[in-house]
Amino acid sequence: ATAKAIQTAMSNMQTEPSHLMEDSLLHYLGRAHHQMGEVFHQATASDRLGSKEWRILSNLHNQATVELQQLAQRTIIDQSTLLELLMRLQQDGLVQIQKLDRGIQVSGTSSGHDRVNHLLETSRRQEQQALRGCTPDARDQLKSLLQHIIDHALQSH
């Protein structure tokens, strides 16, 4: 009888959240981000890159040129902080900043690309590990849903 009660309790724990927060999208997104990010941020830190620098360099990887405003949106870094980081990365030869009449444009350099190549591969492997067992369609659908959330969250600001 006790084994049956434990089995029933375990089953209920898996299907019924003990707290409303555990059933919220923010909870699941936060946990997924934390669990995937924890390992990855260790990799970037061992390469002496902060998470912001990683986001900048990975967004510029294989891109010709990106406007500052677009890069700020992609990296989730406010423009003034981003510009400070970009100036440091330019001094290190990892990005190129161009001031044009229509605004500031940024591009990655070959050194910047080389700096994040192995981290991009680590990121891909980690994504595959996290999504193992999912079909390619399910992976695409997840990414599409997350993009939908991003697009609508931006509209509310």
C-alpha atoms as a PDB file:
ATOM      1  CA  ALA A   1       0.000   0.000   0.000  1.00  0.00           C
ATOM      2  CA  THR A   2       2.839   2.398   0.824  1.00  0.00           C
ATOM      3  CA  ALA A   3       4.588   1.739  -2.506  1.00  0.00           C
ATOM      4  CA  LYS A   4       1.312   2.423  -4.326  1.00  0.00           C
ATOM      5  CA  ALA A   5       0.849   5.710  -2.403  1.00  0.00           C
ATOM      6  CA  ILE A   6       4.400   6.819  -3.248  1.00  0.00           C
ATOM      7  CA  GLN A   7       3.878   5.945  -6.905  1.00  0.00           C
ATOM      8  CA  THR A   8       0.590   7.920  -6.957  1.00  0.00           C
ATOM      9  CA  ALA A   9       2.231  10.904  -5.232  1.00  0.00           C
ATOM     10  CA  MET A  10       5.131  10.859  -7.698  1.00  0.00           C
ATOM     11  CA  SER A  11       2.696  10.723 -10.607  1.00  0.00           C
ATOM     12  CA  ASN A  12       0.759  13.701  -9.218  1.00  0.00           C
ATOM     13  CA  MET A  13       3.982  15.678  -8.738  1.00  0.00           C
ATOM     14  CA  GLN A  14       4.819  15.207 -12.402  1.00  0.00           C
ATOM     15  CA  THR A  15       1.422  16.312 -13.708  1.00  0.00           C
ATOM     16  CA  GLU A  16       0.141  18.791 -11.115  1.00  0.00           C
ATOM     17  CA  PRO A  17       2.333  21.781 -10.275  1.00  0.00           C
ATOM     18  CA  SER A  18       2.673  22.352  -6.549  1.00  0.00           C
ATOM     19  CA  HIS A  19       2.783  26.085  -7.104  1.00  0.00           C
ATOM     20  CA  LEU A  20       1.187  28.214  -9.789  1.00  0.00           C
ATOM     21  CA  MET A  21       4.571  29.607 -10.820  1.00  0.00           C
ATOM     22  CA  GLU A  22       5.707  26.125 -11.805  1.00  0.00           C
ATOM     23  CA  ASP A  23       3.034  26.105 -14.514  1.00  0.00           C
ATOM     24  CA  SER A  24       3.949  29.496 -15.963  1.00  0.00           C
ATOM     25  CA  LEU A  25       5.821  30.072 -19.185  1.00  0.00           C
ATOM     26  CA  LEU A  26       8.274  32.349 -17.363  1.00  0.00           C
ATOM     27  CA  HIS A  27       9.133  29.491 -15.023  1.00  0.00           C
ATOM     28  CA  TYR A  28       9.892  27.104 -17.888  1.00  0.00           C
ATOM     29  CA  LEU A  29      11.807  29.697 -19.898  1.00  0.00           C
ATOM     30  CA  GLY A  30      13.820  30.702 -16.834  1.00  0.00           C
ATOM     31  CA  ARG A  31      14.706  27.124 -15.940  1.00  0.00           C
ATOM     32  CA  ALA A  32      15.656  26.263 -19.514  1.00  0.00           C
ATOM     33  CA  HIS A  33      17.797  29.404 -19.780  1.00  0.00           C
ATOM     34  CA  HIS A  34      19.475  28.737 -16.449  1.00  0.00           C
ATOM     35  CA  GLN A  35      20.194  25.079 -17.135  1.00  0.00           C
ATOM     36  CA  MET A  36      21.499  25.611 -20.651  1.00  0.00           C
ATOM     37  CA  GLY A  37      23.232  28.884 -19.844  1.00  0.00           C
ATOM     38  CA  GLU A  38      25.070  27.631 -16.771  1.00  0.00           C
ATOM     39  CA  VAL A  39      27.307  25.247 -18.706  1.00  0.00           C
ATOM     40  CA  PHE A  40      27.700  27.545 -21.671  1.00  0.00           C
ATOM     41  CA  HIS A  41      28.645  30.594 -19.608  1.00  0.00           C
ATOM     42  CA  GLN A  42      31.400  28.531 -18.010  1.00  0.00           C
ATOM     43  CA  ALA A  43      32.766  27.911 -21.509  1.00  0.00           C
ATOM     44  CA  THR A  44      32.666  31.616 -22.415  1.00  0.00           C
ATOM     45  CA  ALA A  45      34.216  32.599 -19.083  1.00  0.00           C
ATOM     46  CA  SER A  46      37.082  30.154 -19.563  1.00  0.00           C
ATOM     47  CA  ASP A  47      37.658  31.866 -22.910  1.00  0.00           C
ATOM     48  CA  ARG A  48      37.669  35.231 -21.085  1.00  0.00           C
ATOM     49  CA  LEU A  49      34.466  36.425 -22.724  1.00  0.00           C
ATOM     50  CA  GLY A  50      31.567  37.805 -20.762  1.00  0.00           C
ATOM     51  CA  SER A  51      28.050  36.910 -21.807  1.00  0.00           C
ATOM     52  CA  LYS A  52      27.556  40.338 -23.413  1.00  0.00           C
ATOM     53  CA  GLU A  53      30.757  40.090 -25.444  1.00  0.00           C
ATOM     54  CA  TRP A  54      29.731  36.586 -26.535  1.00  0.00           C
ATOM     55  CA  ARG A  55      26.316  37.832 -27.656  1.00  0.00           C
ATOM     56  CA  ILE A  56      27.930  40.645 -29.640  1.00  0.00           C
ATOM     57  CA  LEU A  57      30.550  38.518 -31.370  1.00  0.00           C
ATOM     58  CA  SER A  58      28.191  35.636 -32.108  1.00  0.00           C
ATOM     59  CA  ASN A  59      25.662  38.033 -33.653  1.00  0.00           C
ATOM     60  CA  LEU A  60      28.357  39.531 -35.861  1.00  0.00           C
ATOM     61  CA  HIS A  61      29.718  36.142 -36.916  1.00  0.00           C
ATOM     62  CA  ASN A  62      29.389  35.720 -40.691  1.00  0.00           C
ATOM     63  CA  GLN A  63      27.433  38.993 -40.949  1.00  0.00           C
ATOM     64  CA  ALA A  64      28.603  41.706 -43.296  1.00  0.00           C
ATOM     65  CA  THR A  65      27.463  44.762 -41.328  1.00  0.00           C
ATOM     66  CA  VAL A  66      24.778  45.426 -38.716  1.00  0.00           C
ATOM     67  CA  GLU A  67      23.361  48.742 -37.544  1.00  0.00           C
ATOM     68  CA  LEU A  68      23.913  49.553 -33.874  1.00  0.00           C
ATOM     69  CA  GLN A  69      20.187  49.640 -33.114  1.00  0.00           C
ATOM     70  CA  GLN A  70      19.635  46.202 -34.658  1.00  0.00           C
ATOM     71  CA  LEU A  71      22.620  44.767 -32.784  1.00  0.00           C
ATOM     72  CA  ALA A  72      21.272  46.232 -29.527  1.00  0.00           C
ATOM     73  CA  GLN A  73      17.951  44.441 -30.091  1.00  0.00           C
ATOM     74  CA  ARG A  74      19.613  41.143 -30.995  1.00  0.00           C
ATOM     75  CA  THR A  75      21.989  41.182 -28.033  1.00  0.00           C
ATOM     76  CA  ILE A  76      19.552  42.616 -25.474  1.00  0.00           C
ATOM     77  CA  ILE A  77      22.071  45.304 -24.519  1.00  0.00           C
ATOM     78  CA  ASP A  78      21.131  48.993 -24.305  1.00  0.00           C
ATOM     79  CA  GLN A  79      22.829  51.101 -26.970  1.00  0.00           C
ATOM     80  CA  SER A  80      25.098  53.136 -24.686  1.00  0.00           C
ATOM     81  CA  THR A  81      26.458  50.027 -22.944  1.00  0.00           C
ATOM     82  CA  LEU A  82      26.747  48.282 -26.299  1.00  0.00           C
ATOM     83  CA  LEU A  83      28.753  51.143 -27.763  1.00  0.00           C
ATOM     84  CA  GLU A  84      31.180  51.052 -24.814  1.00  0.00           C
ATOM     85  CA  LEU A  85      31.629  47.297 -25.240  1.00  0.00           C
ATOM     86  CA  LEU A  86      32.076  47.685 -28.992  1.00  0.00           C
ATOM     87  CA  MET A  87      34.815  50.276 -28.515  1.00  0.00           C
ATOM     88  CA  ARG A  88      36.709  47.838 -26.264  1.00  0.00           C
ATOM     89  CA  LEU A  89      36.179  44.992 -28.723  1.00  0.00           C
ATOM     90  CA  GLN A  90      37.405  47.240 -31.541  1.00  0.00           C
ATOM     91  CA  GLN A  91      40.583  48.010 -29.568  1.00  0.00           C
ATOM     92  CA  ASP A  92      41.096  44.241 -29.307  1.00  0.00           C
ATOM     93  CA  GLY A  93      40.621  43.912 -33.078  1.00  0.00           C
ATOM     94  CA  LEU A  94      37.440  41.828 -32.754  1.00  0.00           C
ATOM     95  CA  VAL A  95      34.943  44.261 -34.353  1.00  0.00           C
ATOM     96  CA  GLN A  96      34.989  47.237 -36.679  1.00  0.00           C
ATOM     97  CA  ILE A  97      32.826  50.306 -35.942  1.00  0.00           C
ATOM     98  CA  GLN A  98      31.881  52.702 -38.732  1.00  0.00           C
ATOM     99  CA  LYS A  99      30.198  56.049 -38.113  1.00  0.00           C
ATOM    100  CA  LEU A 100      28.107  56.975 -41.112  1.00  0.00           C
ATOM    101  CA  ASP A 101      25.652  59.785 -41.814  1.00  0.00           C
ATOM    102  CA  ARG A 102      22.762  57.375 -41.219  1.00  0.00           C
ATOM    103  CA  GLY A 103      24.154  56.011 -37.948  1.00  0.00           C
ATOM    104  CA  ILE A 104      26.663  53.576 -36.567  1.00  0.00           C
ATOM    105  CA  GLN A 105      27.349  50.272 -38.260  1.00  0.00           C
ATOM    106  CA  VAL A 106      29.320  47.379 -36.833  1.00  0.00           C
ATOM    107  CA  SER A 107      30.955  44.375 -38.420  1.00  0.00           C
ATOM    108  CA  GLY A 108      32.945  41.484 -37.087  1.00  0.00           C
ATOM    109  CA  THR A 109      36.571  40.930 -37.996  1.00  0.00           C
ATOM    110  CA  SER A 110      38.283  37.659 -38.839  1.00  0.00           C
ATOM    111  CA  SER A 111      39.816  37.737 -35.333  1.00  0.00           C
ATOM    112  CA  GLY A 112      36.363  38.173 -33.830  1.00  0.00           C
ATOM    113  CA  HIS A 113      35.022  35.294 -35.905  1.00  0.00           C
ATOM    114  CA  ASP A 114      37.948  33.076 -34.891  1.00  0.00           C
ATOM    115  CA  ARG A 115      37.386  33.971 -31.244  1.00  0.00           C
ATOM    116  CA  VAL A 116      33.845  32.551 -31.207  1.00  0.00           C
ATOM    117  CA  ASN A 117      33.999  29.731 -33.788  1.00  0.00           C
ATOM    118  CA  HIS A 118      34.548  26.999 -31.195  1.00  0.00           C
ATOM    119  CA  LEU A 119      31.936  28.542 -28.889  1.00  0.00           C
ATOM    120  CA  LEU A 120      29.368  28.468 -31.688  1.00  0.00           C
ATOM    121  CA  GLU A 121      30.080  24.769 -32.097  1.00  0.00           C
ATOM    122  CA  THR A 122      29.742  24.286 -28.327  1.00  0.00           C
ATOM    123  CA  SER A 123      26.428  26.122 -28.475  1.00  0.00           C
ATOM    124  CA  ARG A 124      25.196  23.892 -31.309  1.00  0.00           C
ATOM    125  CA  ARG A 125      26.189  20.734 -29.428  1.00  0.00           C
ATOM    126  CA  GLN A 126      24.475  21.959 -26.286  1.00  0.00           C
ATOM    127  CA  GLU A 127      21.302  22.727 -28.235  1.00  0.00           C
ATOM    128  CA  GLN A 128      21.353  19.258 -29.786  1.00  0.00           C
ATOM    129  CA  GLN A 129      21.815  17.713 -26.344  1.00  0.00           C
ATOM    130  CA  ALA A 130      18.961  19.714 -24.839  1.00  0.00           C
ATOM    131  CA  LEU A 131      16.632  18.866 -27.722  1.00  0.00           C
ATOM    132  CA  ARG A 132      17.638  15.246 -28.248  1.00  0.00           C
ATOM    133  CA  GLY A 133      14.629  13.119 -28.939  1.00  0.00           C
ATOM    134  CA  CYS A 134      12.792  16.021 -30.584  1.00  0.00           C
ATOM    135  CA  THR A 135      12.044  15.849 -34.268  1.00  0.00           C
ATOM    136  CA  PRO A 136      13.432  18.565 -36.549  1.00  0.00           C
ATOM    137  CA  ASP A 137       9.852  19.818 -36.955  1.00  0.00           C
ATOM    138  CA  ALA A 138       9.442  20.071 -33.167  1.00  0.00           C
ATOM    139  CA  ARG A 139      12.735  21.992 -32.912  1.00  0.00           C
ATOM    140  CA  ASP A 140      11.644  24.387 -35.647  1.00  0.00           C
ATOM    141  CA  GLN A 141       8.242  24.817 -34.019  1.00  0.00           C
ATOM    142  CA  LEU A 142       9.848  25.592 -30.641  1.00  0.00           C
ATOM    143  CA  LYS A 143      12.096  28.225 -32.213  1.00  0.00           C
ATOM    144  CA  SER A 144       9.139  29.668 -34.110  1.00  0.00           C
ATOM    145  CA  LEU A 145       7.079  29.905 -30.918  1.00  0.00           C
ATOM    146  CA  LEU A 146       9.949  31.576 -29.070  1.00  0.00           C
ATOM    147  CA  GLN A 147      10.365  34.079 -31.923  1.00  0.00           C
ATOM    148  CA  HIS A 148       6.634  34.764 -31.720  1.00  0.00           C
ATOM    149  CA  ILE A 149       6.992  35.491 -27.990  1.00  0.00           C
ATOM    150  CA  ILE A 150       9.964  37.772 -28.643  1.00  0.00           C
ATOM    151  CA  ASP A 151       8.113  39.672 -31.352  1.00  0.00           C
ATOM    152  CA  HIS A 152       5.031  40.207 -29.195  1.00  0.00           C
ATOM    153  CA  ALA A 153       7.004  41.062 -26.079  1.00  0.00           C
ATOM    154  CA  LEU A 154       8.780  43.831 -28.019  1.00  0.00           C
ATOM    155  CA  GLN A 155       5.447  45.229 -29.165  1.00  0.00           C
ATOM    156  CA  SER A 156       4.290  45.682 -25.572  1.00  0.00           C
ATOM    157  CA  HIS A 157       7.260  47.960 -24.708  1.00  0.00           C
END
